Amino acid sequence: STVPVIMLSARADSIDVVLGLEAG
C-alpha cells in the first residue's frame, strides 16, 4: 500500500530515523 506512515522513535537517533524513512 501507499498509505501514509509516520514512524515514532524514543530517540532522535540518525539510524532509527534513516531506517524508518528508507523503509518507506
PDBML (XML) file of the C-alpha atoms, coordinates in Angstrom:
<?xml version="1.0" encoding="UTF-8" ?>
<PDBx:datablock datablockName="MODEL"
   xmlns:PDBx="http://pdbml.pdb.org/schema/pdbx-v50.xsd"
   xmlns:xsi="http://www.w3.org/2001/XMLSchema-instance"
   xsi:schemaLocation="http://pdbml.pdb.org/schema/pdbx-v50.xsd pdbx-v50.xsd">
   <PDBx:atom_siteCategory>
      <PDBx:atom_site id="1">
         <PDBx:B_iso_or_equiv>0.00</PDBx:B_iso_or_equiv>
         <PDBx:Cartn_x>0.000</PDBx:Cartn_x>
         <PDBx:Cartn_y>0.000</PDBx:Cartn_y>
         <PDBx:Cartn_z>0.000</PDBx:Cartn_z>
         <PDBx:auth_asym_id>A</PDBx:auth_asym_id>
         <PDBx:auth_atom_id>CA</PDBx:auth_atom_id>
         <PDBx:auth_comp_id>SER</PDBx:auth_comp_id>
         <PDBx:auth_seq_id>1</PDBx:auth_seq_id>
         <PDBx:group_PDB>ATOM</PDBx:group_PDB>
         <PDBx:label_alt_id xsi:nil="true" />
         <PDBx:label_asym_id>A</PDBx:label_asym_id>
         <PDBx:label_atom_id>CA</PDBx:label_atom_id>
         <PDBx:label_comp_id>SER</PDBx:label_comp_id>
         <PDBx:label_entity_id>1</PDBx:label_entity_id>
         <PDBx:label_seq_id>1</PDBx:label_seq_id>
         <PDBx:occupancy>1.00</PDBx:occupancy>
         <PDBx:pdbx_PDB_model_num>1</PDBx:pdbx_PDB_model_num>
         <PDBx:type_symbol>C</PDBx:type_symbol>
      </PDBx:atom_site>
      <PDBx:atom_site id="2">
         <PDBx:B_iso_or_equiv>0.00</PDBx:B_iso_or_equiv>
         <PDBx:Cartn_x>0.921</PDBx:Cartn_x>
         <PDBx:Cartn_y>3.666</PDBx:Cartn_y>
         <PDBx:Cartn_z>-0.377</PDBx:Cartn_z>
         <PDBx:auth_asym_id>A</PDBx:auth_asym_id>
         <PDBx:auth_atom_id>CA</PDBx:auth_atom_id>
         <PDBx:auth_comp_id>THR</PDBx:auth_comp_id>
         <PDBx:auth_seq_id>2</PDBx:auth_seq_id>
         <PDBx:group_PDB>ATOM</PDBx:group_PDB>
         <PDBx:label_alt_id xsi:nil="true" />
         <PDBx:label_asym_id>A</PDBx:label_asym_id>
         <PDBx:label_atom_id>CA</PDBx:label_atom_id>
         <PDBx:label_comp_id>THR</PDBx:label_comp_id>
         <PDBx:label_entity_id>1</PDBx:label_entity_id>
         <PDBx:label_seq_id>2</PDBx:label_seq_id>
         <PDBx:occupancy>1.00</PDBx:occupancy>
         <PDBx:pdbx_PDB_model_num>1</PDBx:pdbx_PDB_model_num>
         <PDBx:type_symbol>C</PDBx:type_symbol>
      </PDBx:atom_site>
      <PDBx:atom_site id="3">
         <PDBx:B_iso_or_equiv>0.00</PDBx:B_iso_or_equiv>
         <PDBx:Cartn_x>-0.966</PDBx:Cartn_x>
         <PDBx:Cartn_y>4.579</PDBx:Cartn_y>
         <PDBx:Cartn_z>2.809</PDBx:Cartn_z>
         <PDBx:auth_asym_id>A</PDBx:auth_asym_id>
         <PDBx:auth_atom_id>CA</PDBx:auth_atom_id>
         <PDBx:auth_comp_id>VAL</PDBx:auth_comp_id>
         <PDBx:auth_seq_id>3</PDBx:auth_seq_id>
         <PDBx:group_PDB>ATOM</PDBx:group_PDB>
         <PDBx:label_alt_id xsi:nil="true" />
         <PDBx:label_asym_id>A</PDBx:label_asym_id>
         <PDBx:label_atom_id>CA</PDBx:label_atom_id>
         <PDBx:label_comp_id>VAL</PDBx:label_comp_id>
         <PDBx:label_entity_id>1</PDBx:label_entity_id>
         <PDBx:label_seq_id>3</PDBx:label_seq_id>
         <PDBx:occupancy>1.00</PDBx:occupancy>
         <PDBx:pdbx_PDB_model_num>1</PDBx:pdbx_PDB_model_num>
         <PDBx:type_symbol>C</PDBx:type_symbol>
      </PDBx:atom_site>
      <PDBx:atom_site id="4">
         <PDBx:B_iso_or_equiv>0.00</PDBx:B_iso_or_equiv>
         <PDBx:Cartn_x>0.933</PDBx:Cartn_x>
         <PDBx:Cartn_y>7.312</PDBx:Cartn_y>
         <PDBx:Cartn_z>4.705</PDBx:Cartn_z>
         <PDBx:auth_asym_id>A</PDBx:auth_asym_id>
         <PDBx:auth_atom_id>CA</PDBx:auth_atom_id>
         <PDBx:auth_comp_id>PRO</PDBx:auth_comp_id>
         <PDBx:auth_seq_id>4</PDBx:auth_seq_id>
         <PDBx:group_PDB>ATOM</PDBx:group_PDB>
         <PDBx:label_alt_id xsi:nil="true" />
         <PDBx:label_asym_id>A</PDBx:label_asym_id>
         <PDBx:label_atom_id>CA</PDBx:label_atom_id>
         <PDBx:label_comp_id>PRO</PDBx:label_comp_id>
         <PDBx:label_entity_id>1</PDBx:label_entity_id>
         <PDBx:label_seq_id>4</PDBx:label_seq_id>
         <PDBx:occupancy>1.00</PDBx:occupancy>
         <PDBx:pdbx_PDB_model_num>1</PDBx:pdbx_PDB_model_num>
         <PDBx:type_symbol>C</PDBx:type_symbol>
      </PDBx:atom_site>
      <PDBx:atom_site id="5">
         <PDBx:B_iso_or_equiv>0.00</PDBx:B_iso_or_equiv>
         <PDBx:Cartn_x>3.181</PDBx:Cartn_x>
         <PDBx:Cartn_y>6.109</PDBx:Cartn_y>
         <PDBx:Cartn_z>7.518</PDBx:Cartn_z>
         <PDBx:auth_asym_id>A</PDBx:auth_asym_id>
         <PDBx:auth_atom_id>CA</PDBx:auth_atom_id>
         <PDBx:auth_comp_id>VAL</PDBx:auth_comp_id>
         <PDBx:auth_seq_id>5</PDBx:auth_seq_id>
         <PDBx:group_PDB>ATOM</PDBx:group_PDB>
         <PDBx:label_alt_id xsi:nil="true" />
         <PDBx:label_asym_id>A</PDBx:label_asym_id>
         <PDBx:label_atom_id>CA</PDBx:label_atom_id>
         <PDBx:label_comp_id>VAL</PDBx:label_comp_id>
         <PDBx:label_entity_id>1</PDBx:label_entity_id>
         <PDBx:label_seq_id>5</PDBx:label_seq_id>
         <PDBx:occupancy>1.00</PDBx:occupancy>
         <PDBx:pdbx_PDB_model_num>1</PDBx:pdbx_PDB_model_num>
         <PDBx:type_symbol>C</PDBx:type_symbol>
      </PDBx:atom_site>
      <PDBx:atom_site id="6">
         <PDBx:B_iso_or_equiv>0.00</PDBx:B_iso_or_equiv>
         <PDBx:Cartn_x>4.629</PDBx:Cartn_x>
         <PDBx:Cartn_y>8.083</PDBx:Cartn_y>
         <PDBx:Cartn_z>10.426</PDBx:Cartn_z>
         <PDBx:auth_asym_id>A</PDBx:auth_asym_id>
         <PDBx:auth_atom_id>CA</PDBx:auth_atom_id>
         <PDBx:auth_comp_id>ILE</PDBx:auth_comp_id>
         <PDBx:auth_seq_id>6</PDBx:auth_seq_id>
         <PDBx:group_PDB>ATOM</PDBx:group_PDB>
         <PDBx:label_alt_id xsi:nil="true" />
         <PDBx:label_asym_id>A</PDBx:label_asym_id>
         <PDBx:label_atom_id>CA</PDBx:label_atom_id>
         <PDBx:label_comp_id>ILE</PDBx:label_comp_id>
         <PDBx:label_entity_id>1</PDBx:label_entity_id>
         <PDBx:label_seq_id>6</PDBx:label_seq_id>
         <PDBx:occupancy>1.00</PDBx:occupancy>
         <PDBx:pdbx_PDB_model_num>1</PDBx:pdbx_PDB_model_num>
         <PDBx:type_symbol>C</PDBx:type_symbol>
      </PDBx:atom_site>
      <PDBx:atom_site id="7">
         <PDBx:B_iso_or_equiv>0.00</PDBx:B_iso_or_equiv>
         <PDBx:Cartn_x>7.339</PDBx:Cartn_x>
         <PDBx:Cartn_y>6.426</PDBx:Cartn_y>
         <PDBx:Cartn_z>12.497</PDBx:Cartn_z>
         <PDBx:auth_asym_id>A</PDBx:auth_asym_id>
         <PDBx:auth_atom_id>CA</PDBx:auth_atom_id>
         <PDBx:auth_comp_id>MET</PDBx:auth_comp_id>
         <PDBx:auth_seq_id>7</PDBx:auth_seq_id>
         <PDBx:group_PDB>ATOM</PDBx:group_PDB>
         <PDBx:label_alt_id xsi:nil="true" />
         <PDBx:label_asym_id>A</PDBx:label_asym_id>
         <PDBx:label_atom_id>CA</PDBx:label_atom_id>
         <PDBx:label_comp_id>MET</PDBx:label_comp_id>
         <PDBx:label_entity_id>1</PDBx:label_entity_id>
         <PDBx:label_seq_id>7</PDBx:label_seq_id>
         <PDBx:occupancy>1.00</PDBx:occupancy>
         <PDBx:pdbx_PDB_model_num>1</PDBx:pdbx_PDB_model_num>
         <PDBx:type_symbol>C</PDBx:type_symbol>
      </PDBx:atom_site>
      <PDBx:atom_site id="8">
         <PDBx:B_iso_or_equiv>0.00</PDBx:B_iso_or_equiv>
         <PDBx:Cartn_x>7.607</PDBx:Cartn_x>
         <PDBx:Cartn_y>7.045</PDBx:Cartn_y>
         <PDBx:Cartn_z>16.240</PDBx:Cartn_z>
         <PDBx:auth_asym_id>A</PDBx:auth_asym_id>
         <PDBx:auth_atom_id>CA</PDBx:auth_atom_id>
         <PDBx:auth_comp_id>LEU</PDBx:auth_comp_id>
         <PDBx:auth_seq_id>8</PDBx:auth_seq_id>
         <PDBx:group_PDB>ATOM</PDBx:group_PDB>
         <PDBx:label_alt_id xsi:nil="true" />
         <PDBx:label_asym_id>A</PDBx:label_asym_id>
         <PDBx:label_atom_id>CA</PDBx:label_atom_id>
         <PDBx:label_comp_id>LEU</PDBx:label_comp_id>
         <PDBx:label_entity_id>1</PDBx:label_entity_id>
         <PDBx:label_seq_id>8</PDBx:label_seq_id>
         <PDBx:occupancy>1.00</PDBx:occupancy>
         <PDBx:pdbx_PDB_model_num>1</PDBx:pdbx_PDB_model_num>
         <PDBx:type_symbol>C</PDBx:type_symbol>
      </PDBx:atom_site>
      <PDBx:atom_site id="9">
         <PDBx:B_iso_or_equiv>0.00</PDBx:B_iso_or_equiv>
         <PDBx:Cartn_x>11.001</PDBx:Cartn_x>
         <PDBx:Cartn_y>6.758</PDBx:Cartn_y>
         <PDBx:Cartn_z>17.912</PDBx:Cartn_z>
         <PDBx:auth_asym_id>A</PDBx:auth_asym_id>
         <PDBx:auth_atom_id>CA</PDBx:auth_atom_id>
         <PDBx:auth_comp_id>SER</PDBx:auth_comp_id>
         <PDBx:auth_seq_id>9</PDBx:auth_seq_id>
         <PDBx:group_PDB>ATOM</PDBx:group_PDB>
         <PDBx:label_alt_id xsi:nil="true" />
         <PDBx:label_asym_id>A</PDBx:label_asym_id>
         <PDBx:label_atom_id>CA</PDBx:label_atom_id>
         <PDBx:label_comp_id>SER</PDBx:label_comp_id>
         <PDBx:label_entity_id>1</PDBx:label_entity_id>
         <PDBx:label_seq_id>9</PDBx:label_seq_id>
         <PDBx:occupancy>1.00</PDBx:occupancy>
         <PDBx:pdbx_PDB_model_num>1</PDBx:pdbx_PDB_model_num>
         <PDBx:type_symbol>C</PDBx:type_symbol>
      </PDBx:atom_site>
      <PDBx:atom_site id="10">
         <PDBx:B_iso_or_equiv>0.00</PDBx:B_iso_or_equiv>
         <PDBx:Cartn_x>12.109</PDBx:Cartn_x>
         <PDBx:Cartn_y>7.199</PDBx:Cartn_y>
         <PDBx:Cartn_z>21.510</PDBx:Cartn_z>
         <PDBx:auth_asym_id>A</PDBx:auth_asym_id>
         <PDBx:auth_atom_id>CA</PDBx:auth_atom_id>
         <PDBx:auth_comp_id>ALA</PDBx:auth_comp_id>
         <PDBx:auth_seq_id>10</PDBx:auth_seq_id>
         <PDBx:group_PDB>ATOM</PDBx:group_PDB>
         <PDBx:label_alt_id xsi:nil="true" />
         <PDBx:label_asym_id>A</PDBx:label_asym_id>
         <PDBx:label_atom_id>CA</PDBx:label_atom_id>
         <PDBx:label_comp_id>ALA</PDBx:label_comp_id>
         <PDBx:label_entity_id>1</PDBx:label_entity_id>
         <PDBx:label_seq_id>10</PDBx:label_seq_id>
         <PDBx:occupancy>1.00</PDBx:occupancy>
         <PDBx:pdbx_PDB_model_num>1</PDBx:pdbx_PDB_model_num>
         <PDBx:type_symbol>C</PDBx:type_symbol>
      </PDBx:atom_site>
      <PDBx:atom_site id="11">
         <PDBx:B_iso_or_equiv>0.00</PDBx:B_iso_or_equiv>
         <PDBx:Cartn_x>15.379</PDBx:Cartn_x>
         <PDBx:Cartn_y>8.636</PDBx:Cartn_y>
         <PDBx:Cartn_z>20.229</PDBx:Cartn_z>
         <PDBx:auth_asym_id>A</PDBx:auth_asym_id>
         <PDBx:auth_atom_id>CA</PDBx:auth_atom_id>
         <PDBx:auth_comp_id>ARG</PDBx:auth_comp_id>
         <PDBx:auth_seq_id>11</PDBx:auth_seq_id>
         <PDBx:group_PDB>ATOM</PDBx:group_PDB>
         <PDBx:label_alt_id xsi:nil="true" />
         <PDBx:label_asym_id>A</PDBx:label_asym_id>
         <PDBx:label_atom_id>CA</PDBx:label_atom_id>
         <PDBx:label_comp_id>ARG</PDBx:label_comp_id>
         <PDBx:label_entity_id>1</PDBx:label_entity_id>
         <PDBx:label_seq_id>11</PDBx:label_seq_id>
         <PDBx:occupancy>1.00</PDBx:occupancy>
         <PDBx:pdbx_PDB_model_num>1</PDBx:pdbx_PDB_model_num>
         <PDBx:type_symbol>C</PDBx:type_symbol>
      </PDBx:atom_site>
      <PDBx:atom_site id="12">
         <PDBx:B_iso_or_equiv>0.00</PDBx:B_iso_or_equiv>
         <PDBx:Cartn_x>16.260</PDBx:Cartn_x>
         <PDBx:Cartn_y>11.206</PDBx:Cartn_y>
         <PDBx:Cartn_z>17.592</PDBx:Cartn_z>
         <PDBx:auth_asym_id>A</PDBx:auth_asym_id>
         <PDBx:auth_atom_id>CA</PDBx:auth_atom_id>
         <PDBx:auth_comp_id>ALA</PDBx:auth_comp_id>
         <PDBx:auth_seq_id>12</PDBx:auth_seq_id>
         <PDBx:group_PDB>ATOM</PDBx:group_PDB>
         <PDBx:label_alt_id xsi:nil="true" />
         <PDBx:label_asym_id>A</PDBx:label_asym_id>
         <PDBx:label_atom_id>CA</PDBx:label_atom_id>
         <PDBx:label_comp_id>ALA</PDBx:label_comp_id>
         <PDBx:label_entity_id>1</PDBx:label_entity_id>
         <PDBx:label_seq_id>12</PDBx:label_seq_id>
         <PDBx:occupancy>1.00</PDBx:occupancy>
         <PDBx:pdbx_PDB_model_num>1</PDBx:pdbx_PDB_model_num>
         <PDBx:type_symbol>C</PDBx:type_symbol>
      </PDBx:atom_site>
      <PDBx:atom_site id="13">
         <PDBx:B_iso_or_equiv>0.00</PDBx:B_iso_or_equiv>
         <PDBx:Cartn_x>18.873</PDBx:Cartn_x>
         <PDBx:Cartn_y>8.659</PDBx:Cartn_y>
         <PDBx:Cartn_z>16.540</PDBx:Cartn_z>
         <PDBx:auth_asym_id>A</PDBx:auth_asym_id>
         <PDBx:auth_atom_id>CA</PDBx:auth_atom_id>
         <PDBx:auth_comp_id>ASP</PDBx:auth_comp_id>
         <PDBx:auth_seq_id>13</PDBx:auth_seq_id>
         <PDBx:group_PDB>ATOM</PDBx:group_PDB>
         <PDBx:label_alt_id xsi:nil="true" />
         <PDBx:label_asym_id>A</PDBx:label_asym_id>
         <PDBx:label_atom_id>CA</PDBx:label_atom_id>
         <PDBx:label_comp_id>ASP</PDBx:label_comp_id>
         <PDBx:label_entity_id>1</PDBx:label_entity_id>
         <PDBx:label_seq_id>13</PDBx:label_seq_id>
         <PDBx:occupancy>1.00</PDBx:occupancy>
         <PDBx:pdbx_PDB_model_num>1</PDBx:pdbx_PDB_model_num>
         <PDBx:type_symbol>C</PDBx:type_symbol>
      </PDBx:atom_site>
      <PDBx:atom_site id="14">
         <PDBx:B_iso_or_equiv>0.00</PDBx:B_iso_or_equiv>
         <PDBx:Cartn_x>20.061</PDBx:Cartn_x>
         <PDBx:Cartn_y>9.050</PDBx:Cartn_y>
         <PDBx:Cartn_z>12.957</PDBx:Cartn_z>
         <PDBx:auth_asym_id>A</PDBx:auth_asym_id>
         <PDBx:auth_atom_id>CA</PDBx:auth_atom_id>
         <PDBx:auth_comp_id>SER</PDBx:auth_comp_id>
         <PDBx:auth_seq_id>14</PDBx:auth_seq_id>
         <PDBx:group_PDB>ATOM</PDBx:group_PDB>
         <PDBx:label_alt_id xsi:nil="true" />
         <PDBx:label_asym_id>A</PDBx:label_asym_id>
         <PDBx:label_atom_id>CA</PDBx:label_atom_id>
         <PDBx:label_comp_id>SER</PDBx:label_comp_id>
         <PDBx:label_entity_id>1</PDBx:label_entity_id>
         <PDBx:label_seq_id>14</PDBx:label_seq_id>
         <PDBx:occupancy>1.00</PDBx:occupancy>
         <PDBx:pdbx_PDB_model_num>1</PDBx:pdbx_PDB_model_num>
         <PDBx:type_symbol>C</PDBx:type_symbol>
      </PDBx:atom_site>
      <PDBx:atom_site id="15">
         <PDBx:B_iso_or_equiv>0.00</PDBx:B_iso_or_equiv>
         <PDBx:Cartn_x>19.957</PDBx:Cartn_x>
         <PDBx:Cartn_y>5.295</PDBx:Cartn_y>
         <PDBx:Cartn_z>12.404</PDBx:Cartn_z>
         <PDBx:auth_asym_id>A</PDBx:auth_asym_id>
         <PDBx:auth_atom_id>CA</PDBx:auth_atom_id>
         <PDBx:auth_comp_id>ILE</PDBx:auth_comp_id>
         <PDBx:auth_seq_id>15</PDBx:auth_seq_id>
         <PDBx:group_PDB>ATOM</PDBx:group_PDB>
         <PDBx:label_alt_id xsi:nil="true" />
         <PDBx:label_asym_id>A</PDBx:label_asym_id>
         <PDBx:label_atom_id>CA</PDBx:label_atom_id>
         <PDBx:label_comp_id>ILE</PDBx:label_comp_id>
         <PDBx:label_entity_id>1</PDBx:label_entity_id>
         <PDBx:label_seq_id>15</PDBx:label_seq_id>
         <PDBx:occupancy>1.00</PDBx:occupancy>
         <PDBx:pdbx_PDB_model_num>1</PDBx:pdbx_PDB_model_num>
         <PDBx:type_symbol>C</PDBx:type_symbol>
      </PDBx:atom_site>
      <PDBx:atom_site id="16">
         <PDBx:B_iso_or_equiv>0.00</PDBx:B_iso_or_equiv>
         <PDBx:Cartn_x>16.357</PDBx:Cartn_x>
         <PDBx:Cartn_y>4.986</PDBx:Cartn_y>
         <PDBx:Cartn_z>13.613</PDBx:Cartn_z>
         <PDBx:auth_asym_id>A</PDBx:auth_asym_id>
         <PDBx:auth_atom_id>CA</PDBx:auth_atom_id>
         <PDBx:auth_comp_id>ASP</PDBx:auth_comp_id>
         <PDBx:auth_seq_id>16</PDBx:auth_seq_id>
         <PDBx:group_PDB>ATOM</PDBx:group_PDB>
         <PDBx:label_alt_id xsi:nil="true" />
         <PDBx:label_asym_id>A</PDBx:label_asym_id>
         <PDBx:label_atom_id>CA</PDBx:label_atom_id>
         <PDBx:label_comp_id>ASP</PDBx:label_comp_id>
         <PDBx:label_entity_id>1</PDBx:label_entity_id>
         <PDBx:label_seq_id>16</PDBx:label_seq_id>
         <PDBx:occupancy>1.00</PDBx:occupancy>
         <PDBx:pdbx_PDB_model_num>1</PDBx:pdbx_PDB_model_num>
         <PDBx:type_symbol>C</PDBx:type_symbol>
      </PDBx:atom_site>
      <PDBx:atom_site id="17">
         <PDBx:B_iso_or_equiv>0.00</PDBx:B_iso_or_equiv>
         <PDBx:Cartn_x>15.246</PDBx:Cartn_x>
         <PDBx:Cartn_y>7.956</PDBx:Cartn_y>
         <PDBx:Cartn_z>11.524</PDBx:Cartn_z>
         <PDBx:auth_asym_id>A</PDBx:auth_asym_id>
         <PDBx:auth_atom_id>CA</PDBx:auth_atom_id>
         <PDBx:auth_comp_id>VAL</PDBx:auth_comp_id>
         <PDBx:auth_seq_id>17</PDBx:auth_seq_id>
         <PDBx:group_PDB>ATOM</PDBx:group_PDB>
         <PDBx:label_alt_id xsi:nil="true" />
         <PDBx:label_asym_id>A</PDBx:label_asym_id>
         <PDBx:label_atom_id>CA</PDBx:label_atom_id>
         <PDBx:label_comp_id>VAL</PDBx:label_comp_id>
         <PDBx:label_entity_id>1</PDBx:label_entity_id>
         <PDBx:label_seq_id>17</PDBx:label_seq_id>
         <PDBx:occupancy>1.00</PDBx:occupancy>
         <PDBx:pdbx_PDB_model_num>1</PDBx:pdbx_PDB_model_num>
         <PDBx:type_symbol>C</PDBx:type_symbol>
      </PDBx:atom_site>
      <PDBx:atom_site id="18">
         <PDBx:B_iso_or_equiv>0.00</PDBx:B_iso_or_equiv>
         <PDBx:Cartn_x>17.024</PDBx:Cartn_x>
         <PDBx:Cartn_y>6.934</PDBx:Cartn_y>
         <PDBx:Cartn_z>8.332</PDBx:Cartn_z>
         <PDBx:auth_asym_id>A</PDBx:auth_asym_id>
         <PDBx:auth_atom_id>CA</PDBx:auth_atom_id>
         <PDBx:auth_comp_id>VAL</PDBx:auth_comp_id>
         <PDBx:auth_seq_id>18</PDBx:auth_seq_id>
         <PDBx:group_PDB>ATOM</PDBx:group_PDB>
         <PDBx:label_alt_id xsi:nil="true" />
         <PDBx:label_asym_id>A</PDBx:label_asym_id>
         <PDBx:label_atom_id>CA</PDBx:label_atom_id>
         <PDBx:label_comp_id>VAL</PDBx:label_comp_id>
         <PDBx:label_entity_id>1</PDBx:label_entity_id>
         <PDBx:label_seq_id>18</PDBx:label_seq_id>
         <PDBx:occupancy>1.00</PDBx:occupancy>
         <PDBx:pdbx_PDB_model_num>1</PDBx:pdbx_PDB_model_num>
         <PDBx:type_symbol>C</PDBx:type_symbol>
      </PDBx:atom_site>
      <PDBx:atom_site id="19">
         <PDBx:B_iso_or_equiv>0.00</PDBx:B_iso_or_equiv>
         <PDBx:Cartn_x>15.999</PDBx:Cartn_x>
         <PDBx:Cartn_y>3.267</PDBx:Cartn_y>
         <PDBx:Cartn_z>8.578</PDBx:Cartn_z>
         <PDBx:auth_asym_id>A</PDBx:auth_asym_id>
         <PDBx:auth_atom_id>CA</PDBx:auth_atom_id>
         <PDBx:auth_comp_id>LEU</PDBx:auth_comp_id>
         <PDBx:auth_seq_id>19</PDBx:auth_seq_id>
         <PDBx:group_PDB>ATOM</PDBx:group_PDB>
         <PDBx:label_alt_id xsi:nil="true" />
         <PDBx:label_asym_id>A</PDBx:label_asym_id>
         <PDBx:label_atom_id>CA</PDBx:label_atom_id>
         <PDBx:label_comp_id>LEU</PDBx:label_comp_id>
         <PDBx:label_entity_id>1</PDBx:label_entity_id>
         <PDBx:label_seq_id>19</PDBx:label_seq_id>
         <PDBx:occupancy>1.00</PDBx:occupancy>
         <PDBx:pdbx_PDB_model_num>1</PDBx:pdbx_PDB_model_num>
         <PDBx:type_symbol>C</PDBx:type_symbol>
      </PDBx:atom_site>
      <PDBx:atom_site id="20">
         <PDBx:B_iso_or_equiv>0.00</PDBx:B_iso_or_equiv>
         <PDBx:Cartn_x>12.368</PDBx:Cartn_x>
         <PDBx:Cartn_y>4.257</PDBx:Cartn_y>
         <PDBx:Cartn_z>9.013</PDBx:Cartn_z>
         <PDBx:auth_asym_id>A</PDBx:auth_asym_id>
         <PDBx:auth_atom_id>CA</PDBx:auth_atom_id>
         <PDBx:auth_comp_id>GLY</PDBx:auth_comp_id>
         <PDBx:auth_seq_id>20</PDBx:auth_seq_id>
         <PDBx:group_PDB>ATOM</PDBx:group_PDB>
         <PDBx:label_alt_id xsi:nil="true" />
         <PDBx:label_asym_id>A</PDBx:label_asym_id>
         <PDBx:label_atom_id>CA</PDBx:label_atom_id>
         <PDBx:label_comp_id>GLY</PDBx:label_comp_id>
         <PDBx:label_entity_id>1</PDBx:label_entity_id>
         <PDBx:label_seq_id>20</PDBx:label_seq_id>
         <PDBx:occupancy>1.00</PDBx:occupancy>
         <PDBx:pdbx_PDB_model_num>1</PDBx:pdbx_PDB_model_num>
         <PDBx:type_symbol>C</PDBx:type_symbol>
      </PDBx:atom_site>
      <PDBx:atom_site id="21">
         <PDBx:B_iso_or_equiv>0.00</PDBx:B_iso_or_equiv>
         <PDBx:Cartn_x>12.424</PDBx:Cartn_x>
         <PDBx:Cartn_y>6.674</PDBx:Cartn_y>
         <PDBx:Cartn_z>6.090</PDBx:Cartn_z>
         <PDBx:auth_asym_id>A</PDBx:auth_asym_id>
         <PDBx:auth_atom_id>CA</PDBx:auth_atom_id>
         <PDBx:auth_comp_id>LEU</PDBx:auth_comp_id>
         <PDBx:auth_seq_id>21</PDBx:auth_seq_id>
         <PDBx:group_PDB>ATOM</PDBx:group_PDB>
         <PDBx:label_alt_id xsi:nil="true" />
         <PDBx:label_asym_id>A</PDBx:label_asym_id>
         <PDBx:label_atom_id>CA</PDBx:label_atom_id>
         <PDBx:label_comp_id>LEU</PDBx:label_comp_id>
         <PDBx:label_entity_id>1</PDBx:label_entity_id>
         <PDBx:label_seq_id>21</PDBx:label_seq_id>
         <PDBx:occupancy>1.00</PDBx:occupancy>
         <PDBx:pdbx_PDB_model_num>1</PDBx:pdbx_PDB_model_num>
         <PDBx:type_symbol>C</PDBx:type_symbol>
      </PDBx:atom_site>
      <PDBx:atom_site id="22">
         <PDBx:B_iso_or_equiv>0.00</PDBx:B_iso_or_equiv>
         <PDBx:Cartn_x>14.310</PDBx:Cartn_x>
         <PDBx:Cartn_y>4.241</PDBx:Cartn_y>
         <PDBx:Cartn_z>3.864</PDBx:Cartn_z>
         <PDBx:auth_asym_id>A</PDBx:auth_asym_id>
         <PDBx:auth_atom_id>CA</PDBx:auth_atom_id>
         <PDBx:auth_comp_id>GLU</PDBx:auth_comp_id>
         <PDBx:auth_seq_id>22</PDBx:auth_seq_id>
         <PDBx:group_PDB>ATOM</PDBx:group_PDB>
         <PDBx:label_alt_id xsi:nil="true" />
         <PDBx:label_asym_id>A</PDBx:label_asym_id>
         <PDBx:label_atom_id>CA</PDBx:label_atom_id>
         <PDBx:label_comp_id>GLU</PDBx:label_comp_id>
         <PDBx:label_entity_id>1</PDBx:label_entity_id>
         <PDBx:label_seq_id>22</PDBx:label_seq_id>
         <PDBx:occupancy>1.00</PDBx:occupancy>
         <PDBx:pdbx_PDB_model_num>1</PDBx:pdbx_PDB_model_num>
         <PDBx:type_symbol>C</PDBx:type_symbol>
      </PDBx:atom_site>
      <PDBx:atom_site id="23">
         <PDBx:B_iso_or_equiv>0.00</PDBx:B_iso_or_equiv>
         <PDBx:Cartn_x>11.652</PDBx:Cartn_x>
         <PDBx:Cartn_y>1.628</PDBx:Cartn_y>
         <PDBx:Cartn_z>4.669</PDBx:Cartn_z>
         <PDBx:auth_asym_id>A</PDBx:auth_asym_id>
         <PDBx:auth_atom_id>CA</PDBx:auth_atom_id>
         <PDBx:auth_comp_id>ALA</PDBx:auth_comp_id>
         <PDBx:auth_seq_id>23</PDBx:auth_seq_id>
         <PDBx:group_PDB>ATOM</PDBx:group_PDB>
         <PDBx:label_alt_id xsi:nil="true" />
         <PDBx:label_asym_id>A</PDBx:label_asym_id>
         <PDBx:label_atom_id>CA</PDBx:label_atom_id>
         <PDBx:label_comp_id>ALA</PDBx:label_comp_id>
         <PDBx:label_entity_id>1</PDBx:label_entity_id>
         <PDBx:label_seq_id>23</PDBx:label_seq_id>
         <PDBx:occupancy>1.00</PDBx:occupancy>
         <PDBx:pdbx_PDB_model_num>1</PDBx:pdbx_PDB_model_num>
         <PDBx:type_symbol>C</PDBx:type_symbol>
      </PDBx:atom_site>
      <PDBx:atom_site id="24">
         <PDBx:B_iso_or_equiv>0.00</PDBx:B_iso_or_equiv>
         <PDBx:Cartn_x>9.100</PDBx:Cartn_x>
         <PDBx:Cartn_y>3.957</PDBx:Cartn_y>
         <PDBx:Cartn_z>3.093</PDBx:Cartn_z>
         <PDBx:auth_asym_id>A</PDBx:auth_asym_id>
         <PDBx:auth_atom_id>CA</PDBx:auth_atom_id>
         <PDBx:auth_comp_id>GLY</PDBx:auth_comp_id>
         <PDBx:auth_seq_id>24</PDBx:auth_seq_id>
         <PDBx:group_PDB>ATOM</PDBx:group_PDB>
         <PDBx:label_alt_id xsi:nil="true" />
         <PDBx:label_asym_id>A</PDBx:label_asym_id>
         <PDBx:label_atom_id>CA</PDBx:label_atom_id>
         <PDBx:label_comp_id>GLY</PDBx:label_comp_id>
         <PDBx:label_entity_id>1</PDBx:label_entity_id>
         <PDBx:label_seq_id>24</PDBx:label_seq_id>
         <PDBx:occupancy>1.00</PDBx:occupancy>
         <PDBx:pdbx_PDB_model_num>1</PDBx:pdbx_PDB_model_num>
         <PDBx:type_symbol>C</PDBx:type_symbol>
      </PDBx:atom_site>
   </PDBx:atom_siteCategory>
</PDBx:datablock>
